[in-house]
Amino acid sequence: MKEKIILGVDPGTTIMGYGLIKVVNNKPFLLAMGILELNKYEDHYLRLRRIFERIIGLIDEFLPDELAIESPFFGKNVQSMLKLGRAQGVAMAAALSRDIPIFEYAPLKIKMAITGNGSAAKEQVADMLQRYLKIPQENMLPQLDATDGLAAAVCHFFQSNRPSGNAQYTSWKDFINKNEKRVKGRPAKS
């Protein structure tokens, strides 16, 4: 795999999280992560404008090759879901305006890719990313939206790095059962 930069975004209309990784020799390294606080703007349309401007700024600064974004999940509050969809759409429009390919991942898929558990807590995702990317504690942000954005980028790295064969796995146990020789010291077929 050639070198590439992936921008991950956790869209939101109160706080938007983002993370950037650079992949060198098939190994990801943290470039940056952060948040955009939007709750200081009362006007929803101004929030959308700030999202667009921040994504454009990140693109112009880091020149990512791809954008990985968390897709909205279906919640009980329709208005919240609509606002979240707008935030996602604006972030996508910013990437499209710079001809950057977009890859969308469900929250469950991102959590599963990072922790192996689709219902993992945000803290678990942050902890796994910190360990995997060897992020010093002082560089971790208290807002977990930043690591959620970073998780989208790492999830995309994992997904785009999968072998292009017919090997599909339904769980870790399924992977172990289909790869007994690769997984040493693990019981298979339980």
C-alpha atoms as a PDB file:
ATOM      1  CA  MET A   1       0.000   0.000   0.000  1.00  0.00           C
ATOM      2  CA  LYS A   2       1.324   3.422  -0.878  1.00  0.00           C
ATOM      3  CA  GLU A   3       1.386   6.178   1.675  1.00  0.00           C
ATOM      4  CA  LYS A   4      -1.986   7.736   2.249  1.00  0.00           C
ATOM      5  CA  ILE A   5      -3.774  10.013   4.666  1.00  0.00           C
ATOM      6  CA  ILE A   6      -7.263   9.267   5.963  1.00  0.00           C
ATOM      7  CA  LEU A   7      -9.509  11.884   7.570  1.00  0.00           C
ATOM      8  CA  GLY A   8     -12.098  10.418   9.921  1.00  0.00           C
ATOM      9  CA  VAL A   9     -15.136  12.426  11.005  1.00  0.00           C
ATOM     10  CA  ASP A  10     -17.707  11.907  13.725  1.00  0.00           C
ATOM     11  CA  PRO A  11     -20.366  14.402  12.606  1.00  0.00           C
ATOM     12  CA  GLY A  12     -22.397  16.317  15.121  1.00  0.00           C
ATOM     13  CA  THR A  13     -24.178  19.634  15.472  1.00  0.00           C
ATOM     14  CA  THR A  14     -23.015  20.206  19.054  1.00  0.00           C
ATOM     15  CA  ILE A  15     -19.522  18.733  18.793  1.00  0.00           C
ATOM     16  CA  MET A  16     -17.873  17.348  15.668  1.00  0.00           C
ATOM     17  CA  GLY A  17     -14.904  15.039  16.200  1.00  0.00           C
ATOM     18  CA  TYR A  18     -12.144  14.374  13.716  1.00  0.00           C
ATOM     19  CA  GLY A  19      -8.952  12.384  13.448  1.00  0.00           C
ATOM     20  CA  LEU A  20      -6.287  12.015  10.799  1.00  0.00           C
ATOM     21  CA  ILE A  21      -3.958   9.106  10.280  1.00  0.00           C
ATOM     22  CA  LYS A  22      -1.088   8.653   7.873  1.00  0.00           C
ATOM     23  CA  VAL A  23      -0.487   5.139   6.596  1.00  0.00           C
ATOM     24  CA  VAL A  24       3.174   4.357   5.870  1.00  0.00           C
ATOM     25  CA  ASN A  25       4.297   0.851   4.925  1.00  0.00           C
ATOM     26  CA  ASN A  26       0.845  -0.425   5.850  1.00  0.00           C
ATOM     27  CA  LYS A  27       1.063   0.991   9.391  1.00  0.00           C
ATOM     28  CA  PRO A  28      -1.129   3.877  10.590  1.00  0.00           C
ATOM     29  CA  PHE A  29       0.251   6.809  12.583  1.00  0.00           C
ATOM     30  CA  LEU A  30      -1.696   9.593  14.263  1.00  0.00           C
ATOM     31  CA  LEU A  31      -1.374  12.951  12.527  1.00  0.00           C
ATOM     32  CA  ALA A  32      -3.983  14.927  14.433  1.00  0.00           C
ATOM     33  CA  MET A  33      -7.278  14.697  16.240  1.00  0.00           C
ATOM     34  CA  GLY A  34      -9.595  17.277  17.655  1.00  0.00           C
ATOM     35  CA  ILE A  35     -13.067  18.623  17.976  1.00  0.00           C
ATOM     36  CA  LEU A  36     -15.092  21.497  16.668  1.00  0.00           C
ATOM     37  CA  GLU A  37     -17.346  22.911  19.385  1.00  0.00           C
ATOM     38  CA  LEU A  38     -20.558  24.154  17.836  1.00  0.00           C
ATOM     39  CA  ASN A  39     -22.806  24.715  20.844  1.00  0.00           C
ATOM     40  CA  LYS A  40     -21.679  28.343  21.062  1.00  0.00           C
ATOM     41  CA  TYR A  41     -23.599  29.028  17.837  1.00  0.00           C
ATOM     42  CA  GLU A  42     -27.356  29.251  18.273  1.00  0.00           C
ATOM     43  CA  ASP A  43     -28.107  29.314  14.546  1.00  0.00           C
ATOM     44  CA  HIS A  44     -28.175  25.763  13.145  1.00  0.00           C
ATOM     45  CA  TYR A  45     -27.168  26.994   9.687  1.00  0.00           C
ATOM     46  CA  LEU A  46     -24.141  28.779  11.112  1.00  0.00           C
ATOM     47  CA  ARG A  47     -23.123  25.486  12.730  1.00  0.00           C
ATOM     48  CA  LEU A  48     -23.347  23.781   9.344  1.00  0.00           C
ATOM     49  CA  ARG A  49     -21.199  26.517   7.810  1.00  0.00           C
ATOM     50  CA  ARG A  50     -18.562  26.067  10.540  1.00  0.00           C
ATOM     51  CA  ILE A  51     -18.504  22.302   9.885  1.00  0.00           C
ATOM     52  CA  PHE A  52     -17.955  22.918   6.171  1.00  0.00           C
ATOM     53  CA  GLU A  53     -15.200  25.462   6.852  1.00  0.00           C
ATOM     54  CA  ARG A  54     -13.402  23.208   9.357  1.00  0.00           C
ATOM     55  CA  ILE A  55     -13.455  20.193   7.057  1.00  0.00           C
ATOM     56  CA  ILE A  56     -12.143  22.323   4.179  1.00  0.00           C
ATOM     57  CA  GLY A  57      -9.425  23.663   6.504  1.00  0.00           C
ATOM     58  CA  LEU A  58      -8.387  20.140   7.527  1.00  0.00           C
ATOM     59  CA  ILE A  59      -8.362  19.017   3.899  1.00  0.00           C
ATOM     60  CA  ASP A  60      -6.244  21.984   2.810  1.00  0.00           C
ATOM     61  CA  GLU A  61      -3.827  21.502   5.737  1.00  0.00           C
ATOM     62  CA  PHE A  62      -3.360  17.709   5.684  1.00  0.00           C
ATOM     63  CA  LEU A  63      -4.324  16.796   2.081  1.00  0.00           C
ATOM     64  CA  PRO A  64      -6.135  13.544   2.925  1.00  0.00           C
ATOM     65  CA  ASP A  65      -6.619  10.941   0.229  1.00  0.00           C
ATOM     66  CA  GLU A  66      -9.901   9.639   1.667  1.00  0.00           C
ATOM     67  CA  LEU A  67     -12.656  10.619   4.087  1.00  0.00           C
ATOM     68  CA  ALA A  68     -14.177   8.071   6.460  1.00  0.00           C
ATOM     69  CA  ILE A  69     -17.340   9.258   8.158  1.00  0.00           C
ATOM     70  CA  GLU A  70     -19.690   7.794  10.716  1.00  0.00           C
ATOM     71  CA  SER A  71     -23.174   7.385   9.309  1.00  0.00           C
ATOM     72  CA  PRO A  72     -26.157   8.616  11.310  1.00  0.00           C
ATOM     73  CA  PHE A  73     -27.884   6.007  13.413  1.00  0.00           C
ATOM     74  CA  PHE A  74     -31.612   5.673  13.806  1.00  0.00           C
ATOM     75  CA  GLY A  75     -32.698   7.150  17.098  1.00  0.00           C
ATOM     76  CA  LYS A  76     -36.015   7.972  18.664  1.00  0.00           C
ATOM     77  CA  ASN A  77     -35.713  11.716  18.114  1.00  0.00           C
ATOM     78  CA  VAL A  78     -36.342  12.415  14.425  1.00  0.00           C
ATOM     79  CA  GLN A  79     -35.282  16.069  14.681  1.00  0.00           C
ATOM     80  CA  SER A  80     -31.908  15.105  16.151  1.00  0.00           C
ATOM     81  CA  MET A  81     -31.400  12.548  13.419  1.00  0.00           C
ATOM     82  CA  LEU A  82     -32.217  15.116  10.719  1.00  0.00           C
ATOM     83  CA  LYS A  83     -29.719  17.600  12.200  1.00  0.00           C
ATOM     84  CA  LEU A  84     -27.064  14.902  12.404  1.00  0.00           C
ATOM     85  CA  GLY A  85     -27.724  13.950   8.775  1.00  0.00           C
ATOM     86  CA  ARG A  86     -27.294  17.566   7.751  1.00  0.00           C
ATOM     87  CA  ALA A  87     -23.974  17.766   9.604  1.00  0.00           C
ATOM     88  CA  GLN A  88     -22.818  14.607   7.871  1.00  0.00           C
ATOM     89  CA  GLY A  89     -23.966  15.925   4.490  1.00  0.00           C
ATOM     90  CA  VAL A  90     -22.083  19.185   4.926  1.00  0.00           C
ATOM     91  CA  ALA A  91     -18.878  17.324   5.855  1.00  0.00           C
ATOM     92  CA  MET A  92     -19.352  15.107   2.809  1.00  0.00           C
ATOM     93  CA  ALA A  93     -19.959  18.125   0.575  1.00  0.00           C
ATOM     94  CA  ALA A  94     -16.680  19.643   1.776  1.00  0.00           C
ATOM     95  CA  ALA A  95     -14.813  16.457   0.814  1.00  0.00           C
ATOM     96  CA  LEU A  96     -16.629  16.246  -2.509  1.00  0.00           C
ATOM     97  CA  SER A  97     -15.695  19.841  -3.292  1.00  0.00           C
ATOM     98  CA  ARG A  98     -12.043  18.732  -3.079  1.00  0.00           C
ATOM     99  CA  ASP A  99     -12.596  15.455  -5.001  1.00  0.00           C
ATOM    100  CA  ILE A 100     -11.907  13.264  -1.977  1.00  0.00           C
ATOM    101  CA  PRO A 101     -13.537   9.816  -1.981  1.00  0.00           C
ATOM    102  CA  ILE A 102     -15.953   9.212   0.896  1.00  0.00           C
ATOM    103  CA  PHE A 103     -16.454   5.997   2.841  1.00  0.00           C
ATOM    104  CA  GLU A 104     -19.335   5.711   5.273  1.00  0.00           C
ATOM    105  CA  TYR A 105     -19.413   3.364   8.272  1.00  0.00           C
ATOM    106  CA  ALA A 106     -22.167   2.582  10.759  1.00  0.00           C
ATOM    107  CA  PRO A 107     -21.275   3.230  14.423  1.00  0.00           C
ATOM    108  CA  LEU A 108     -21.597  -0.508  15.148  1.00  0.00           C
ATOM    109  CA  LYS A 109     -19.122  -1.347  12.368  1.00  0.00           C
ATOM    110  CA  ILE A 110     -16.605   1.198  13.663  1.00  0.00           C
ATOM    111  CA  LYS A 111     -16.822  -0.082  17.236  1.00  0.00           C
ATOM    112  CA  MET A 112     -16.540  -3.667  16.022  1.00  0.00           C
ATOM    113  CA  ALA A 113     -13.456  -2.839  13.934  1.00  0.00           C
ATOM    114  CA  ILE A 114     -11.696  -1.093  16.808  1.00  0.00           C
ATOM    115  CA  THR A 115     -12.696  -3.177  19.827  1.00  0.00           C
ATOM    116  CA  GLY A 116     -14.228  -6.367  18.444  1.00  0.00           C
ATOM    117  CA  ASN A 117     -17.469  -5.407  20.202  1.00  0.00           C
ATOM    118  CA  GLY A 118     -20.189  -3.503  18.363  1.00  0.00           C
ATOM    119  CA  SER A 119     -21.698  -2.265  21.616  1.00  0.00           C
ATOM    120  CA  ALA A 120     -18.423  -1.035  23.129  1.00  0.00           C
ATOM    121  CA  ALA A 121     -18.466   2.192  25.120  1.00  0.00           C
ATOM    122  CA  LYS A 122     -16.768   5.309  23.772  1.00  0.00           C
ATOM    123  CA  GLU A 123     -14.153   4.956  26.519  1.00  0.00           C
ATOM    124  CA  GLN A 124     -13.256   1.455  25.304  1.00  0.00           C
ATOM    125  CA  VAL A 125     -12.848   2.740  21.748  1.00  0.00           C
ATOM    126  CA  ALA A 126     -10.598   5.563  22.963  1.00  0.00           C
ATOM    127  CA  ASP A 127      -8.507   3.156  25.048  1.00  0.00           C
ATOM    128  CA  MET A 128      -8.002   0.732  22.159  1.00  0.00           C
ATOM    129  CA  LEU A 129      -7.021   3.567  19.800  1.00  0.00           C
ATOM    130  CA  GLN A 130      -4.580   4.955  22.358  1.00  0.00           C
ATOM    131  CA  ARG A 131      -2.914   1.545  22.652  1.00  0.00           C
ATOM    132  CA  TYR A 132      -2.975   0.715  18.938  1.00  0.00           C
ATOM    133  CA  LEU A 133      -1.631   4.070  17.769  1.00  0.00           C
ATOM    134  CA  LYS A 134       0.624   4.481  20.830  1.00  0.00           C
ATOM    135  CA  ILE A 135      -0.835   7.891  21.670  1.00  0.00           C
ATOM    136  CA  PRO A 136       0.720   9.427  24.805  1.00  0.00           C
ATOM    137  CA  GLN A 137      -1.811  10.133  27.562  1.00  0.00           C
ATOM    138  CA  GLU A 138      -1.138  13.872  27.385  1.00  0.00           C
ATOM    139  CA  ASN A 139      -2.266  13.874  23.733  1.00  0.00           C
ATOM    140  CA  MET A 140      -5.626  12.268  24.528  1.00  0.00           C
ATOM    141  CA  LEU A 141      -8.542  14.691  24.578  1.00  0.00           C
ATOM    142  CA  PRO A 142     -11.262  14.575  27.237  1.00  0.00           C
ATOM    143  CA  GLN A 143     -13.950  14.850  24.539  1.00  0.00           C
ATOM    144  CA  LEU A 144     -14.515  11.373  23.149  1.00  0.00           C
ATOM    145  CA  ASP A 145     -15.884  12.820  19.909  1.00  0.00           C
ATOM    146  CA  ALA A 146     -12.244  13.268  18.824  1.00  0.00           C
ATOM    147  CA  THR A 147     -11.455   9.578  19.270  1.00  0.00           C
ATOM    148  CA  ASP A 148     -14.767   8.707  17.583  1.00  0.00           C
ATOM    149  CA  GLY A 149     -13.592  10.629  14.507  1.00  0.00           C
ATOM    150  CA  LEU A 150     -10.205   8.931  14.737  1.00  0.00           C
ATOM    151  CA  ALA A 151     -11.967   5.560  15.034  1.00  0.00           C
ATOM    152  CA  ALA A 152     -13.714   6.159  11.697  1.00  0.00           C
ATOM    153  CA  ALA A 153     -10.316   6.700  10.046  1.00  0.00           C
ATOM    154  CA  VAL A 154      -8.783   3.587  11.639  1.00  0.00           C
ATOM    155  CA  CYS A 155     -11.869   1.525  10.780  1.00  0.00           C
ATOM    156  CA  HIS A 156     -11.477   2.578   7.153  1.00  0.00           C
ATOM    157  CA  PHE A 157      -7.785   1.657   7.256  1.00  0.00           C
ATOM    158  CA  PHE A 158      -8.730  -1.823   8.511  1.00  0.00           C
ATOM    159  CA  GLN A 159     -11.508  -2.221   5.928  1.00  0.00           C
ATOM    160  CA  SER A 160      -9.432  -1.028   2.979  1.00  0.00           C
ATOM    161  CA  ASN A 161      -6.595  -3.279   4.105  1.00  0.00           C
ATOM    162  CA  ARG A 162      -8.624  -6.487   4.058  1.00  0.00           C
ATOM    163  CA  PRO A 163      -7.509  -9.163   1.621  1.00  0.00           C
ATOM    164  CA  SER A 164      -9.609  -9.038  -1.508  1.00  0.00           C
ATOM    165  CA  GLY A 165     -10.480 -12.722  -1.468  1.00  0.00           C
ATOM    166  CA  ASN A 166     -13.694 -14.427  -0.576  1.00  0.00           C
ATOM    167  CA  ALA A 167     -12.775 -14.622   3.107  1.00  0.00           C
ATOM    168  CA  GLN A 168     -15.694 -13.198   5.021  1.00  0.00           C
ATOM    169  CA  TYR A 169     -16.002 -13.648   8.753  1.00  0.00           C
ATOM    170  CA  THR A 170     -19.063 -13.340  10.944  1.00  0.00           C
ATOM    171  CA  SER A 171     -17.212 -13.178  14.279  1.00  0.00           C
ATOM    172  CA  TRP A 172     -13.801 -13.573  15.911  1.00  0.00           C
ATOM    173  CA  LYS A 173     -14.637 -17.246  16.514  1.00  0.00           C
ATOM    174  CA  ASP A 174     -15.418 -17.650  12.805  1.00  0.00           C
ATOM    175  CA  PHE A 175     -12.063 -16.034  11.922  1.00  0.00           C
ATOM    176  CA  ILE A 176     -10.206 -18.400  14.299  1.00  0.00           C
ATOM    177  CA  ASN A 177     -12.014 -21.438  12.920  1.00  0.00           C
ATOM    178  CA  LYS A 178     -11.148 -20.474   9.336  1.00  0.00           C
ATOM    179  CA  ASN A 179      -7.530 -19.588  10.165  1.00  0.00           C
ATOM    180  CA  GLU A 180      -6.398 -22.274  12.607  1.00  0.00           C
ATOM    181  CA  LYS A 181      -2.810 -22.289  11.296  1.00  0.00           C
ATOM    182  CA  ARG A 182      -2.487 -18.512  11.627  1.00  0.00           C
ATOM    183  CA  VAL A 183      -3.878 -18.355  15.153  1.00  0.00           C
ATOM    184  CA  LYS A 184      -1.497 -20.256  17.409  1.00  0.00           C
ATOM    185  CA  GLY A 185      -2.435 -21.445  20.865  1.00  0.00           C
ATOM    186  CA  ARG A 186      -6.146 -20.780  20.350  1.00  0.00           C
ATOM    187  CA  PRO A 187      -8.746 -23.493  20.486  1.00  0.00           C
ATOM    188  CA  ALA A 188     -10.846 -23.647  17.356  1.00  0.00           C
ATOM    189  CA  LYS A 189     -14.290 -25.006  16.627  1.00  0.00           C
ATOM    190  CA  SER A 190     -15.788 -24.591  20.077  1.00  0.00           C
END
